[in-house]
Amino acid sequence: MKPTDTHNQKIAALIFGSVYPHYVKKVETKGRTVAELHEVIEWLTGFDEKKLQELIDEKVTFKTFFERATLNPKAELITGVICGYRIEEIDNPLTKQVRYLDKLIDELAKGKKMEKILRN
């Protein structure tokens, strides 16, 4: 399945801070910690906890969030299916980056070891 232009536009316009609590709930429900979630986000984006909170407070969209991020060079190693989409087949760079984040959080929630999640 390939994301449509409408789908890509909706993702770009989503406010990161409105989705973030769902990430927290997902990982905590599965016995992982917010600290681990922040480690995963920082690995992918370069944002430490302080910067992450600033972006949430600023109510940035995913578009702005990833424009300001310094994507980890190993992010391209993130593959597989998330939300019905095969990551390596997504053409839109922003949608692909959001799905990278979704995939990492999914792996965290599923109990994968941090070394594997962070592609070490």
PDB file of N, CA and C in Angstrom:
ATOM      1  N   MET A   1       0.849  -1.173   0.000  1.00  0.00           N
ATOM      2  CA  MET A   1       0.000   0.000   0.000  1.00  0.00           C
ATOM      3  C   MET A   1       0.901   1.246   0.000  1.00  0.00           C
ATOM      4  N   LYS A   2       0.559   2.192  -0.833  1.00  0.00           N
ATOM      5  CA  LYS A   2       1.332   3.442  -0.910  1.00  0.00           C
ATOM      6  C   LYS A   2       0.476   4.585  -0.372  1.00  0.00           C
ATOM      7  N   PRO A   3       1.102   5.467   0.417  1.00  0.00           N
ATOM      8  CA  PRO A   3       0.352   6.620   0.928  1.00  0.00           C
ATOM      9  C   PRO A   3      -0.046   7.567  -0.202  1.00  0.00           C
ATOM     10  N   THR A   4      -1.237   8.126  -0.103  1.00  0.00           N
ATOM     11  CA  THR A   4      -1.713   9.090  -1.090  1.00  0.00           C
ATOM     12  C   THR A   4      -1.197  10.477  -0.737  1.00  0.00           C
ATOM     13  N   ASP A   5      -1.355  11.415  -1.672  1.00  0.00           N
ATOM     14  CA  ASP A   5      -0.963  12.802  -1.391  1.00  0.00           C
ATOM     15  C   ASP A   5      -1.766  13.366  -0.219  1.00  0.00           C
ATOM     16  N   THR A   6      -3.042  13.028  -0.157  1.00  0.00           N
ATOM     17  CA  THR A   6      -3.889  13.494   0.941  1.00  0.00           C
ATOM     18  C   THR A   6      -3.377  12.951   2.272  1.00  0.00           C
ATOM     19  N   HIS A   7      -3.019  11.675   2.279  1.00  0.00           N
ATOM     20  CA  HIS A   7      -2.467  11.043   3.480  1.00  0.00           C
ATOM     21  C   HIS A   7      -1.182  11.757   3.913  1.00  0.00           C
ATOM     22  N   ASN A   8      -0.302  12.021   2.955  1.00  0.00           N
ATOM     23  CA  ASN A   8       0.963  12.708   3.242  1.00  0.00           C
ATOM     24  C   ASN A   8       0.715  14.106   3.817  1.00  0.00           C
ATOM     25  N   GLN A   9      -0.261  14.816   3.262  1.00  0.00           N
ATOM     26  CA  GLN A   9      -0.580  16.167   3.740  1.00  0.00           C
ATOM     27  C   GLN A   9      -1.135  16.139   5.162  1.00  0.00           C
ATOM     28  N   LYS A  10      -1.953  15.125   5.460  1.00  0.00           N
ATOM     29  CA  LYS A  10      -2.508  15.000   6.810  1.00  0.00           C
ATOM     30  C   LYS A  10      -1.402  14.744   7.825  1.00  0.00           C
ATOM     31  N   ILE A  11      -0.460  13.883   7.478  1.00  0.00           N
ATOM     32  CA  ILE A  11       0.663  13.590   8.378  1.00  0.00           C
ATOM     33  C   ILE A  11       1.495  14.853   8.607  1.00  0.00           C
ATOM     34  N   ALA A  12       1.773  15.578   7.538  1.00  0.00           N
ATOM     35  CA  ALA A  12       2.584  16.801   7.639  1.00  0.00           C
ATOM     36  C   ALA A  12       1.930  17.823   8.574  1.00  0.00           C
ATOM     37  N   ALA A  13       0.602  17.896   8.559  1.00  0.00           N
ATOM     38  CA  ALA A  13      -0.127  18.897   9.337  1.00  0.00           C
ATOM     39  C   ALA A  13      -0.409  18.470  10.780  1.00  0.00           C
ATOM     40  N   LEU A  14      -0.205  17.189  11.092  1.00  0.00           N
ATOM     41  CA  LEU A  14      -0.446  16.721  12.459  1.00  0.00           C
ATOM     42  C   LEU A  14       0.490  17.422  13.441  1.00  0.00           C
ATOM     43  N   ILE A  15      -0.035  17.792  14.581  1.00  0.00           N
ATOM     44  CA  ILE A  15       0.767  18.414  15.634  1.00  0.00           C
ATOM     45  C   ILE A  15       1.483  17.298  16.400  1.00  0.00           C
ATOM     46  N   PHE A  16       2.810  17.365  16.445  1.00  0.00           N
ATOM     47  CA  PHE A  16       3.586  16.328  17.123  1.00  0.00           C
ATOM     48  C   PHE A  16       3.118  16.137  18.566  1.00  0.00           C
ATOM     49  N   GLY A  17       2.903  17.237  19.277  1.00  0.00           N
ATOM     50  CA  GLY A  17       2.493  17.166  20.680  1.00  0.00           C
ATOM     51  C   GLY A  17       1.150  16.507  20.904  1.00  0.00           C
ATOM     52  N   SER A  18       0.310  16.441  19.874  1.00  0.00           N
ATOM     53  CA  SER A  18      -0.980  15.760  20.018  1.00  0.00           C
ATOM     54  C   SER A  18      -0.819  14.244  19.887  1.00  0.00           C
ATOM     55  N   VAL A  19       0.243  13.806  19.241  1.00  0.00           N
ATOM     56  CA  VAL A  19       0.499  12.378  19.049  1.00  0.00           C
ATOM     57  C   VAL A  19       1.413  11.839  20.158  1.00  0.00           C
ATOM     58  N   TYR A  20       2.272  12.687  20.673  1.00  0.00           N
ATOM     59  CA  TYR A  20       3.255  12.281  21.679  1.00  0.00           C
ATOM     60  C   TYR A  20       2.637  11.528  22.868  1.00  0.00           C
ATOM     61  N   PRO A  21       1.516  11.999  23.464  1.00  0.00           N
ATOM     62  CA  PRO A  21       0.930  11.243  24.587  1.00  0.00           C
ATOM     63  C   PRO A  21       0.551   9.807  24.205  1.00  0.00           C
ATOM     64  N   HIS A  22       0.200   9.598  22.950  1.00  0.00           N
ATOM     65  CA  HIS A  22      -0.128   8.240  22.490  1.00  0.00           C
ATOM     66  C   HIS A  22       1.135   7.369  22.458  1.00  0.00           C
ATOM     67  N   TYR A  23       2.250   7.973  22.088  1.00  0.00           N
ATOM     68  CA  TYR A  23       3.527   7.248  22.132  1.00  0.00           C
ATOM     69  C   TYR A  23       3.840   6.837  23.566  1.00  0.00           C
ATOM     70  N   VAL A  24       3.677   7.783  24.490  1.00  0.00           N
ATOM     71  CA  VAL A  24       3.957   7.514  25.905  1.00  0.00           C
ATOM     72  C   VAL A  24       3.064   6.376  26.404  1.00  0.00           C
ATOM     73  N   LYS A  25       1.781   6.472  26.121  1.00  0.00           N
ATOM     74  CA  LYS A  25       0.829   5.457  26.572  1.00  0.00           C
ATOM     75  C   LYS A  25       1.190   4.090  25.990  1.00  0.00           C
ATOM     76  N   LYS A  26       1.532   4.060  24.721  1.00  0.00           N
ATOM     77  CA  LYS A  26       1.852   2.797  24.055  1.00  0.00           C
ATOM     78  C   LYS A  26       3.042   2.109  24.719  1.00  0.00           C
ATOM     79  N   VAL A  27       4.097   2.850  24.977  1.00  0.00           N
ATOM     80  CA  VAL A  27       5.293   2.212  25.550  1.00  0.00           C
ATOM     81  C   VAL A  27       5.096   1.878  27.030  1.00  0.00           C
ATOM     82  N   GLU A  28       4.436   2.757  27.772  1.00  0.00           N
ATOM     83  CA  GLU A  28       4.227   2.492  29.202  1.00  0.00           C
ATOM     84  C   GLU A  28       3.286   1.303  29.416  1.00  0.00           C
ATOM     85  N   THR A  29       2.282   1.181  28.570  1.00  0.00           N
ATOM     86  CA  THR A  29       1.352   0.051  28.658  1.00  0.00           C
ATOM     87  C   THR A  29       2.080  -1.270  28.488  1.00  0.00           C
ATOM     88  N   LYS A  30       3.146  -1.250  27.709  1.00  0.00           N
ATOM     89  CA  LYS A  30       3.918  -2.468  27.439  1.00  0.00           C
ATOM     90  C   LYS A  30       5.127  -2.616  28.369  1.00  0.00           C
ATOM     91  N   GLY A  31       5.178  -1.789  29.431  1.00  0.00           N
ATOM     92  CA  GLY A  31       6.225  -1.939  30.427  1.00  0.00           C
ATOM     93  C   GLY A  31       7.535  -1.233  30.118  1.00  0.00           C
ATOM     94  N   ARG A  32       7.542  -0.379  29.119  1.00  0.00           N
ATOM     95  CA  ARG A  32       8.747   0.396  28.817  1.00  0.00           C
ATOM     96  C   ARG A  32       8.604   1.777  29.447  1.00  0.00           C
ATOM     97  N   THR A  33       9.693   2.556  29.444  1.00  0.00           N
ATOM     98  CA  THR A  33       9.689   3.839  30.153  1.00  0.00           C
ATOM     99  C   THR A  33       9.710   5.027  29.187  1.00  0.00           C
ATOM    100  N   VAL A  34       9.319   6.175  29.726  1.00  0.00           N
ATOM    101  CA  VAL A  34       9.396   7.417  28.961  1.00  0.00           C
ATOM    102  C   VAL A  34      10.858   7.720  28.642  1.00  0.00           C
ATOM    103  N   ALA A  35      11.762   7.386  29.544  1.00  0.00           N
ATOM    104  CA  ALA A  35      13.196   7.599  29.298  1.00  0.00           C
ATOM    105  C   ALA A  35      13.646   6.802  28.069  1.00  0.00           C
ATOM    106  N   GLU A  36      13.163   5.580  27.933  1.00  0.00           N
ATOM    107  CA  GLU A  36      13.500   4.766  26.754  1.00  0.00           C
ATOM    108  C   GLU A  36      12.893   5.380  25.493  1.00  0.00           C
ATOM    109  N   LEU A  37      11.661   5.868  25.603  1.00  0.00           N
ATOM    110  CA  LEU A  37      11.015   6.542  24.475  1.00  0.00           C
ATOM    111  C   LEU A  37      11.854   7.742  24.052  1.00  0.00           C
ATOM    112  N   HIS A  38      12.293   8.539  25.003  1.00  0.00           N
ATOM    113  CA  HIS A  38      13.106   9.721  24.691  1.00  0.00           C
ATOM    114  C   HIS A  38      14.437   9.319  24.064  1.00  0.00           C
ATOM    115  N   GLU A  39      15.011   8.222  24.519  1.00  0.00           N
ATOM    116  CA  GLU A  39      16.264   7.735  23.937  1.00  0.00           C
ATOM    117  C   GLU A  39      16.075   7.391  22.458  1.00  0.00           C
ATOM    118  N   VAL A  40      14.963   6.737  22.153  1.00  0.00           N
ATOM    119  CA  VAL A  40      14.656   6.367  20.772  1.00  0.00           C
ATOM    120  C   VAL A  40      14.436   7.617  19.915  1.00  0.00           C
ATOM    121  N   ILE A  41      13.662   8.567  20.433  1.00  0.00           N
ATOM    122  CA  ILE A  41      13.399   9.804  19.688  1.00  0.00           C
ATOM    123  C   ILE A  41      14.688  10.584  19.474  1.00  0.00           C
ATOM    124  N   GLU A  42      15.532  10.653  20.509  1.00  0.00           N
ATOM    125  CA  GLU A  42      16.793  11.385  20.376  1.00  0.00           C
ATOM    126  C   GLU A  42      17.712  10.701  19.370  1.00  0.00           C
ATOM    127  N   TRP A  43      17.742   9.383  19.382  1.00  0.00           N
ATOM    128  CA  TRP A  43      18.578   8.649  18.413  1.00  0.00           C
ATOM    129  C   TRP A  43      18.167   8.993  16.980  1.00  0.00           C
ATOM    130  N   LEU A  44      16.844   9.021  16.732  1.00  0.00           N
ATOM    131  CA  LEU A  44      16.355   9.283  15.381  1.00  0.00           C
ATOM    132  C   LEU A  44      16.507  10.744  14.977  1.00  0.00           C
ATOM    133  N   THR A  45      16.197  11.676  15.886  1.00  0.00           N
ATOM    134  CA  THR A  45      16.059  13.091  15.518  1.00  0.00           C
ATOM    135  C   THR A  45      17.167  14.012  16.031  1.00  0.00           C
ATOM    136  N   GLY A  46      17.870  13.580  17.067  1.00  0.00           N
ATOM    137  CA  GLY A  46      18.864  14.442  17.695  1.00  0.00           C
ATOM    138  C   GLY A  46      18.275  15.334  18.779  1.00  0.00           C
ATOM    139  N   PHE A  47      16.962  15.262  19.009  1.00  0.00           N
ATOM    140  CA  PHE A  47      16.316  16.117  20.007  1.00  0.00           C
ATOM    141  C   PHE A  47      16.446  15.504  21.396  1.00  0.00           C
ATOM    142  N   ASP A  48      17.073  16.249  22.320  1.00  0.00           N
ATOM    143  CA  ASP A  48      17.113  15.786  23.703  1.00  0.00           C
ATOM    144  C   ASP A  48      15.768  16.104  24.361  1.00  0.00           C
ATOM    145  N   GLU A  49      15.629  15.691  25.608  1.00  0.00           N
ATOM    146  CA  GLU A  49      14.355  15.853  26.308  1.00  0.00           C
ATOM    147  C   GLU A  49      13.918  17.316  26.383  1.00  0.00           C
ATOM    148  N   LYS A  50      14.866  18.217  26.642  1.00  0.00           N
ATOM    149  CA  LYS A  50      14.551  19.654  26.739  1.00  0.00           C
ATOM    150  C   LYS A  50      14.026  20.185  25.404  1.00  0.00           C
ATOM    151  N   LYS A  51      14.712  19.859  24.319  1.00  0.00           N
ATOM    152  CA  LYS A  51      14.301  20.327  22.990  1.00  0.00           C
ATOM    153  C   LYS A  51      12.952  19.720  22.606  1.00  0.00           C
ATOM    154  N   LEU A  52      12.765  18.459  22.954  1.00  0.00           N
ATOM    155  CA  LEU A  52      11.506  17.783  22.664  1.00  0.00           C
ATOM    156  C   LEU A  52      10.343  18.518  23.337  1.00  0.00           C
ATOM    157  N   GLN A  53      10.547  18.892  24.599  1.00  0.00           N
ATOM    158  CA  GLN A  53       9.502  19.615  25.322  1.00  0.00           C
ATOM    159  C   GLN A  53       9.246  20.990  24.700  1.00  0.00           C
ATOM    160  N   GLU A  54      10.295  21.656  24.247  1.00  0.00           N
ATOM    161  CA  GLU A  54      10.121  22.952  23.576  1.00  0.00           C
ATOM    162  C   GLU A  54       9.266  22.795  22.317  1.00  0.00           C
ATOM    163  N   LEU A  55       9.530  21.744  21.557  1.00  0.00           N
ATOM    164  CA  LEU A  55       8.772  21.510  20.326  1.00  0.00           C
ATOM    165  C   LEU A  55       7.314  21.186  20.627  1.00  0.00           C
ATOM    166  N   ILE A  56       7.093  20.435  21.691  1.00  0.00           N
ATOM    167  CA  ILE A  56       5.716  20.123  22.112  1.00  0.00           C
ATOM    168  C   ILE A  56       5.013  21.408  22.534  1.00  0.00           C
ATOM    169  N   ASP A  57       5.688  22.221  23.351  1.00  0.00           N
ATOM    170  CA  ASP A  57       5.106  23.489  23.820  1.00  0.00           C
ATOM    171  C   ASP A  57       4.821  24.447  22.663  1.00  0.00           C
ATOM    172  N   GLU A  58       5.670  24.390  21.653  1.00  0.00           N
ATOM    173  CA  GLU A  58       5.522  25.261  20.483  1.00  0.00           C
ATOM    174  C   GLU A  58       4.415  24.775  19.540  1.00  0.00           C
ATOM    175  N   LYS A  59       3.936  23.541  19.797  1.00  0.00           N
ATOM    176  CA  LYS A  59       2.873  22.934  18.982  1.00  0.00           C
ATOM    177  C   LYS A  59       3.270  22.797  17.506  1.00  0.00           C
ATOM    178  N   VAL A  60       4.492  22.312  17.284  1.00  0.00           N
ATOM    179  CA  VAL A  60       4.970  22.153  15.907  1.00  0.00           C
ATOM    180  C   VAL A  60       4.280  20.976  15.227  1.00  0.00           C
ATOM    181  N   THR A  61       4.148  21.085  13.918  1.00  0.00           N
ATOM    182  CA  THR A  61       3.620  19.979  13.116  1.00  0.00           C
ATOM    183  C   THR A  61       4.735  18.962  12.895  1.00  0.00           C
ATOM    184  N   PHE A  62       4.355  17.785  12.402  1.00  0.00           N
ATOM    185  CA  PHE A  62       5.385  16.802  12.059  1.00  0.00           C
ATOM    186  C   PHE A  62       6.315  17.360  10.978  1.00  0.00           C
ATOM    187  N   LYS A  63       5.758  18.172  10.085  1.00  0.00           N
ATOM    188  CA  LYS A  63       6.592  18.773   9.039  1.00  0.00           C
ATOM    189  C   LYS A  63       7.710  19.604   9.668  1.00  0.00           C
ATOM    190  N   THR A  64       7.359  20.493  10.572  1.00  0.00           N
ATOM    191  CA  THR A  64       8.347  21.338  11.255  1.00  0.00           C
ATOM    192  C   THR A  64       9.269  20.489  12.132  1.00  0.00           C
ATOM    193  N   PHE A  65       8.697  19.523  12.831  1.00  0.00           N
ATOM    194  CA  PHE A  65       9.463  18.642  13.706  1.00  0.00           C
ATOM    195  C   PHE A  65      10.621  17.997  12.945  1.00  0.00           C
ATOM    196  N   PHE A  66      10.325  17.419  11.783  1.00  0.00           N
ATOM    197  CA  PHE A  66      11.377  16.740  11.032  1.00  0.00           C
ATOM    198  C   PHE A  66      12.247  17.698  10.221  1.00  0.00           C
ATOM    199  N   GLU A  67      11.744  18.896   9.893  1.00  0.00           N
ATOM    200  CA  GLU A  67      12.607  19.902   9.263  1.00  0.00           C
ATOM    201  C   GLU A  67      13.719  20.328  10.210  1.00  0.00           C
ATOM    202  N   ARG A  68      13.411  20.375  11.499  1.00  0.00           N
ATOM    203  CA  ARG A  68      14.386  20.806  12.500  1.00  0.00           C
ATOM    204  C   ARG A  68      15.272  19.661  13.003  1.00  0.00           C
ATOM    205  N   ALA A  69      14.880  18.447  12.693  1.00  0.00           N
ATOM    206  CA  ALA A  69      15.623  17.279  13.173  1.00  0.00           C
ATOM    207  C   ALA A  69      16.898  17.068  12.364  1.00  0.00           C
ATOM    208  N   THR A  70      17.852  16.425  13.006  1.00  0.00           N
ATOM    209  CA  THR A  70      19.043  15.931  12.321  1.00  0.00           C
ATOM    210  C   THR A  70      18.898  14.416  12.325  1.00  0.00           C
ATOM    211  N   LEU A  71      18.392  13.886  11.225  1.00  0.00           N
ATOM    212  CA  LEU A  71      18.077  12.463  11.160  1.00  0.00           C
ATOM    213  C   LEU A  71      19.337  11.611  11.271  1.00  0.00           C
ATOM    214  N   ASN A  72      19.256  10.597  12.085  1.00  0.00           N
ATOM    215  CA  ASN A  72      20.373   9.670  12.257  1.00  0.00           C
ATOM    216  C   ASN A  72      20.682   9.001  10.913  1.00  0.00           C
ATOM    217  N   PRO A  73      21.950   8.941  10.521  1.00  0.00           N
ATOM    218  CA  PRO A  73      22.305   8.321   9.239  1.00  0.00           C
ATOM    219  C   PRO A  73      21.888   6.843   9.149  1.00  0.00           C
ATOM    220  N   LYS A  74      21.740   6.193  10.307  1.00  0.00           N
ATOM    221  CA  LYS A  74      21.324   4.786  10.302  1.00  0.00           C
ATOM    222  C   LYS A  74      19.812   4.621  10.155  1.00  0.00           C
ATOM    223  N   ALA A  75      19.081   5.725  10.070  1.00  0.00           N
ATOM    224  CA  ALA A  75      17.622   5.646   9.950  1.00  0.00           C
ATOM    225  C   ALA A  75      17.196   4.834   8.726  1.00  0.00           C
ATOM    226  N   GLU A  76      18.009   4.858   7.690  1.00  0.00           N
ATOM    227  CA  GLU A  76      17.675   4.108   6.474  1.00  0.00           C
ATOM    228  C   GLU A  76      17.644   2.601   6.715  1.00  0.00           C
ATOM    229  N   LEU A  77      18.207   2.158   7.831  1.00  0.00           N
ATOM    230  CA  LEU A  77      18.185   0.734   8.177  1.00  0.00           C
ATOM    231  C   LEU A  77      16.837   0.305   8.753  1.00  0.00           C
ATOM    232  N   ILE A  78      15.961   1.279   9.020  1.00  0.00           N
ATOM    233  CA  ILE A  78      14.636   0.974   9.564  1.00  0.00           C
ATOM    234  C   ILE A  78      13.751   0.535   8.403  1.00  0.00           C
ATOM    235  N   THR A  79      13.342  -0.720   8.438  1.00  0.00           N
ATOM    236  CA  THR A  79      12.524  -1.286   7.361  1.00  0.00           C
ATOM    237  C   THR A  79      11.367  -2.056   7.971  1.00  0.00           C
ATOM    238  N   GLY A  80      10.493  -2.507   7.112  1.00  0.00           N
ATOM    239  CA  GLY A  80       9.371  -3.314   7.564  1.00  0.00           C
ATOM    240  C   GLY A  80       8.054  -2.600   7.360  1.00  0.00           C
ATOM    241  N   VAL A  81       7.011  -3.182   7.915  1.00  0.00           N
ATOM    242  CA  VAL A  81       5.660  -2.658   7.743  1.00  0.00           C
ATOM    243  C   VAL A  81       5.208  -1.999   9.039  1.00  0.00           C
ATOM    244  N   ILE A  82       4.641  -0.819   8.902  1.00  0.00           N
ATOM    245  CA  ILE A  82       4.048  -0.106  10.034  1.00  0.00           C
ATOM    246  C   ILE A  82       2.784   0.594   9.539  1.00  0.00           C
ATOM    247  N   CYS A  83       1.717   0.432  10.272  1.00  0.00           N
ATOM    248  CA  CYS A  83       0.420   1.042   9.908  1.00  0.00           C
ATOM    249  C   CYS A  83      -0.003   0.644   8.491  1.00  0.00           C
ATOM    250  N   GLY A  84       0.358  -0.557   8.065  1.00  0.00           N
ATOM    251  CA  GLY A  84      -0.036  -1.047   6.749  1.00  0.00           C
ATOM    252  C   GLY A  84       0.848  -0.596   5.603  1.00  0.00           C
ATOM    253  N   TYR A  85       1.902   0.153   5.905  1.00  0.00           N
ATOM    254  CA  TYR A  85       2.794   0.671   4.864  1.00  0.00           C
ATOM    255  C   TYR A  85       4.185   0.054   5.009  1.00  0.00           C
ATOM    256  N   ARG A  86       4.750  -0.396   3.898  1.00  0.00           N
ATOM    257  CA  ARG A  86       6.131  -0.876   3.895  1.00  0.00           C
ATOM    258  C   ARG A  86       7.028   0.359   3.813  1.00  0.00           C
ATOM    259  N   ILE A  87       7.801   0.578   4.859  1.00  0.00           N
ATOM    260  CA  ILE A  87       8.596   1.810   4.997  1.00  0.00           C
ATOM    261  C   ILE A  87       9.491   2.056   3.793  1.00  0.00           C
ATOM    262  N   GLU A  88      10.174   1.019   3.330  1.00  0.00           N
ATOM    263  CA  GLU A  88      11.128   1.212   2.240  1.00  0.00           C
ATOM    264  C   GLU A  88      10.462   1.552   0.902  1.00  0.00           C
ATOM    265  N   GLU A  89       9.138   1.433   0.819  1.00  0.00           N
ATOM    266  CA  GLU A  89       8.420   1.774  -0.416  1.00  0.00           C
ATOM    267  C   GLU A  89       7.772   3.155  -0.369  1.00  0.00           C
ATOM    268  N   ILE A  90       7.877   3.849   0.749  1.00  0.00           N
ATOM    269  CA  ILE A  90       7.269   5.180   0.883  1.00  0.00           C
ATOM    270  C   ILE A  90       8.144   6.199   0.160  1.00  0.00           C
ATOM    271  N   ASP A  91       7.545   6.923  -0.787  1.00  0.00           N
ATOM    272  CA  ASP A  91       8.276   7.903  -1.593  1.00  0.00           C
ATOM    273  C   ASP A  91       8.417   9.264  -0.916  1.00  0.00           C
ATOM    274  N   ASN A  92       7.395   9.678  -0.179  1.00  0.00           N
ATOM    275  CA  ASN A  92       7.400  10.996   0.450  1.00  0.00           C
ATOM    276  C   ASN A  92       8.368  10.992   1.638  1.00  0.00           C
ATOM    277  N   PRO A  93       9.413  11.838   1.603  1.00  0.00           N
ATOM    278  CA  PRO A  93      10.428  11.815   2.667  1.00  0.00           C
ATOM    279  C   PRO A  93       9.864  12.066   4.069  1.00  0.00           C
ATOM    280  N   LEU A  94       8.941  12.997   4.204  1.00  0.00           N
ATOM    281  CA  LEU A  94       8.382  13.289   5.524  1.00  0.00           C
ATOM    282  C   LEU A  94       7.569  12.110   6.043  1.00  0.00           C
ATOM    283  N   THR A  95       6.721  11.562   5.205  1.00  0.00           N
ATOM    284  CA  THR A  95       5.912  10.413   5.622  1.00  0.00           C
ATOM    285  C   THR A  95       6.821   9.255   6.019  1.00  0.00           C
ATOM    286  N   LYS A  96       7.896   9.062   5.285  1.00  0.00           N
ATOM    287  CA  LYS A  96       8.855   8.004   5.609  1.00  0.00           C
ATOM    288  C   LYS A  96       9.490   8.262   6.984  1.00  0.00           C
ATOM    289  N   GLN A  97       9.852   9.508   7.275  1.00  0.00           N
ATOM    290  CA  GLN A  97      10.473   9.840   8.558  1.00  0.00           C
ATOM    291  C   GLN A  97       9.504   9.606   9.720  1.00  0.00           C
ATOM    292  N   VAL A  98       8.241   9.982   9.521  1.00  0.00           N
ATOM    293  CA  VAL A  98       7.233   9.754  10.561  1.00  0.00           C
ATOM    294  C   VAL A  98       7.069   8.251  10.784  1.00  0.00           C
ATOM    295  N   ARG A  99       7.069   7.491   9.714  1.00  0.00           N
ATOM    296  CA  ARG A  99       6.939   6.031   9.838  1.00  0.00           C
ATOM    297  C   ARG A  99       8.180   5.406  10.463  1.00  0.00           C
ATOM    298  N   TYR A 100       9.356   6.004  10.253  1.00  0.00           N
ATOM    299  CA  TYR A 100      10.552   5.550  10.970  1.00  0.00           C
ATOM    300  C   TYR A 100      10.291   5.650  12.477  1.00  0.00           C
ATOM    301  N   LEU A 101       9.793   6.809  12.896  1.00  0.00           N
ATOM    302  CA  LEU A 101       9.525   7.035  14.312  1.00  0.00           C
ATOM    303  C   LEU A 101       8.479   6.041  14.818  1.00  0.00           C
ATOM    304  N   ASP A 102       7.410   5.867  14.060  1.00  0.00           N
ATOM    305  CA  ASP A 102       6.367   4.916  14.443  1.00  0.00           C
ATOM    306  C   ASP A 102       6.933   3.508  14.608  1.00  0.00           C
ATOM    307  N   LYS A 103       7.787   3.109  13.686  1.00  0.00           N
ATOM    308  CA  LYS A 103       8.374   1.769  13.710  1.00  0.00           C
ATOM    309  C   LYS A 103       9.265   1.588  14.934  1.00  0.00           C
ATOM    310  N   LEU A 104      10.088   2.588  15.248  1.00  0.00           N
ATOM    311  CA  LEU A 104      10.956   2.505  16.421  1.00  0.00           C
ATOM    312  C   LEU A 104      10.137   2.386  17.704  1.00  0.00           C
ATOM    313  N   ILE A 105       9.080   3.163  17.799  1.00  0.00           N
ATOM    314  CA  ILE A 105       8.224   3.129  18.988  1.00  0.00           C
ATOM    315  C   ILE A 105       7.503   1.795  19.075  1.00  0.00           C
ATOM    316  N   ASP A 106       7.092   1.264  17.941  1.00  0.00           N
ATOM    317  CA  ASP A 106       6.452  -0.047  17.905  1.00  0.00           C
ATOM    318  C   ASP A 106       7.425  -1.128  18.382  1.00  0.00           C
ATOM    319  N   GLU A 107       8.660  -1.059  17.917  1.00  0.00           N
ATOM    320  CA  GLU A 107       9.666  -2.038  18.344  1.00  0.00           C
ATOM    321  C   GLU A 107       9.931  -1.930  19.844  1.00  0.00           C
ATOM    322  N   LEU A 108       9.968  -0.717  20.360  1.00  0.00           N
ATOM    323  CA  LEU A 108      10.160  -0.496  21.797  1.00  0.00           C
ATOM    324  C   LEU A 108       9.012  -1.135  22.571  1.00  0.00           C
ATOM    325  N   ALA A 109       7.790  -0.864  22.132  1.00  0.00           N
ATOM    326  CA  ALA A 109       6.606  -1.399  22.808  1.00  0.00           C
ATOM    327  C   ALA A 109       6.551  -2.928  22.729  1.00  0.00           C
ATOM    328  N   LYS A 110       7.097  -3.485  21.673  1.00  0.00           N
ATOM    329  CA  LYS A 110       7.080  -4.946  21.515  1.00  0.00           C
ATOM    330  C   LYS A 110       8.191  -5.634  22.303  1.00  0.00           C
ATOM    331  N   GLY A 111       9.012  -4.844  23.016  1.00  0.00           N
ATOM    332  CA  GLY A 111      10.008  -5.425  23.886  1.00  0.00           C
ATOM    333  C   GLY A 111      11.357  -5.715  23.259  1.00  0.00           C
ATOM    334  N   LYS A 112      11.594  -5.188  22.063  1.00  0.00           N
ATOM    335  CA  LYS A 112      12.905  -5.392  21.447  1.00  0.00           C
ATOM    336  C   LYS A 112      13.997  -4.763  22.302  1.00  0.00           C
ATOM    337  N   LYS A 113      15.181  -5.332  22.214  1.00  0.00           N
ATOM    338  CA  LYS A 113      16.325  -4.778  22.946  1.00  0.00           C
ATOM    339  C   LYS A 113      16.729  -3.447  22.327  1.00  0.00           C
ATOM    340  N   MET A 114      17.154  -2.521  23.180  1.00  0.00           N
ATOM    341  CA  MET A 114      17.505  -1.179  22.736  1.00  0.00           C
ATOM    342  C   MET A 114      18.597  -1.204  21.666  1.00  0.00           C
ATOM    343  N   GLU A 115      19.562  -2.116  21.777  1.00  0.00           N
ATOM    344  CA  GLU A 115      20.642  -2.190  20.775  1.00  0.00           C
ATOM    345  C   GLU A 115      20.077  -2.463  19.381  1.00  0.00           C
ATOM    346  N   LYS A 116      19.066  -3.314  19.313  1.00  0.00           N
ATOM    347  CA  LYS A 116      18.465  -3.639  18.011  1.00  0.00           C
ATOM    348  C   LYS A 116      17.632  -2.460  17.501  1.00  0.00           C
ATOM    349  N   ILE A 117      16.887  -1.834  18.403  1.00  0.00           N
ATOM    350  CA  ILE A 117      16.054  -0.696  18.013  1.00  0.00           C
ATOM    351  C   ILE A 117      16.929   0.421  17.446  1.00  0.00           C
ATOM    352  N   LEU A 118      18.076   0.654  18.096  1.00  0.00           N
ATOM    353  CA  LEU A 118      18.962   1.742  17.691  1.00  0.00           C
ATOM    354  C   LEU A 118      19.953   1.309  16.607  1.00  0.00           C
ATOM    355  N   ARG A 119      19.692   0.162  16.018  1.00  0.00           N
ATOM    356  CA  ARG A 119      20.471  -0.341  14.871  1.00  0.00           C
ATOM    357  C   ARG A 119      21.963  -0.378  15.153  1.00  0.00           C
ATOM    358  N   ASN A 120      22.329  -0.846  16.351  1.00  0.00           N
ATOM    359  CA  ASN A 120      23.756  -0.997  16.696  1.00  0.00           C
ATOM    360  C   ASN A 120      24.250  -2.395  16.361  1.00  0.00           C
TER     361      ASN A 120
END
